[in-house]
Amino acid sequence: MNWQKIAVTFLFLMMALGGIGGVVLTGYTILLRS
């Protein structure tokens, strides 16, 4: 197993989840304020 490949994949996965969470949080905030 290539640890670099695992680390990069994990990093991208965390960034993707964080991005989705940020978009959802922003959407809920806009809905609650409008």
C-alpha atoms as a PDB file:
ATOM      1  CA  MET A   1       0.000   0.000   0.000  1.00  0.00           C
ATOM      2  CA  ASN A   2       1.255   3.449  -0.914  1.00  0.00           C
ATOM      3  CA  TRP A   3       0.865   5.689   2.155  1.00  0.00           C
ATOM      4  CA  GLN A   4       1.191   8.862   0.050  1.00  0.00           C
ATOM      5  CA  LYS A   5      -1.721   7.774  -2.128  1.00  0.00           C
ATOM      6  CA  ILE A   6      -3.822   6.981   0.957  1.00  0.00           C
ATOM      7  CA  ALA A   7      -2.981  10.338   2.560  1.00  0.00           C
ATOM      8  CA  VAL A   8      -3.857  12.290  -0.604  1.00  0.00           C
ATOM      9  CA  THR A   9      -7.124  10.366  -1.058  1.00  0.00           C
ATOM     10  CA  PHE A  10      -8.064  10.976   2.588  1.00  0.00           C
ATOM     11  CA  LEU A  11      -7.220  14.684   2.259  1.00  0.00           C
ATOM     12  CA  PHE A  12      -9.394  15.052  -0.852  1.00  0.00           C
ATOM     13  CA  LEU A  13     -12.222  13.164   0.873  1.00  0.00           C
ATOM     14  CA  MET A  14     -12.078  15.473   3.904  1.00  0.00           C
ATOM     15  CA  MET A  15     -12.011  18.568   1.657  1.00  0.00           C
ATOM     16  CA  ALA A  16     -15.005  17.246  -0.309  1.00  0.00           C
ATOM     17  CA  LEU A  17     -16.987  16.574   2.885  1.00  0.00           C
ATOM     18  CA  GLY A  18     -16.006  19.969   4.300  1.00  0.00           C
ATOM     19  CA  GLY A  19     -17.023  21.678   1.045  1.00  0.00           C
ATOM     20  CA  ILE A  20     -20.397  19.929   0.996  1.00  0.00           C
ATOM     21  CA  GLY A  21     -20.945  20.752   4.668  1.00  0.00           C
ATOM     22  CA  GLY A  22     -20.073  24.411   4.014  1.00  0.00           C
ATOM     23  CA  VAL A  23     -22.513  24.620   1.093  1.00  0.00           C
ATOM     24  CA  VAL A  24     -25.290  22.987   3.134  1.00  0.00           C
ATOM     25  CA  LEU A  25     -24.618  25.245   6.123  1.00  0.00           C
ATOM     26  CA  THR A  26     -24.646  28.347   3.881  1.00  0.00           C
ATOM     27  CA  GLY A  27     -27.892  27.193   2.249  1.00  0.00           C
ATOM     28  CA  TYR A  28     -29.601  26.650   5.604  1.00  0.00           C
ATOM     29  CA  THR A  29     -28.368  30.048   6.852  1.00  0.00           C
ATOM     30  CA  ILE A  30     -29.782  31.810   3.760  1.00  0.00           C
ATOM     31  CA  LEU A  31     -33.101  29.962   4.119  1.00  0.00           C
ATOM     32  CA  LEU A  32     -33.385  30.831   7.813  1.00  0.00           C
ATOM     33  CA  ARG A  33     -32.577  34.525   7.227  1.00  0.00           C
ATOM     34  CA  SER A  34     -34.959  34.998   4.281  1.00  0.00           C
END
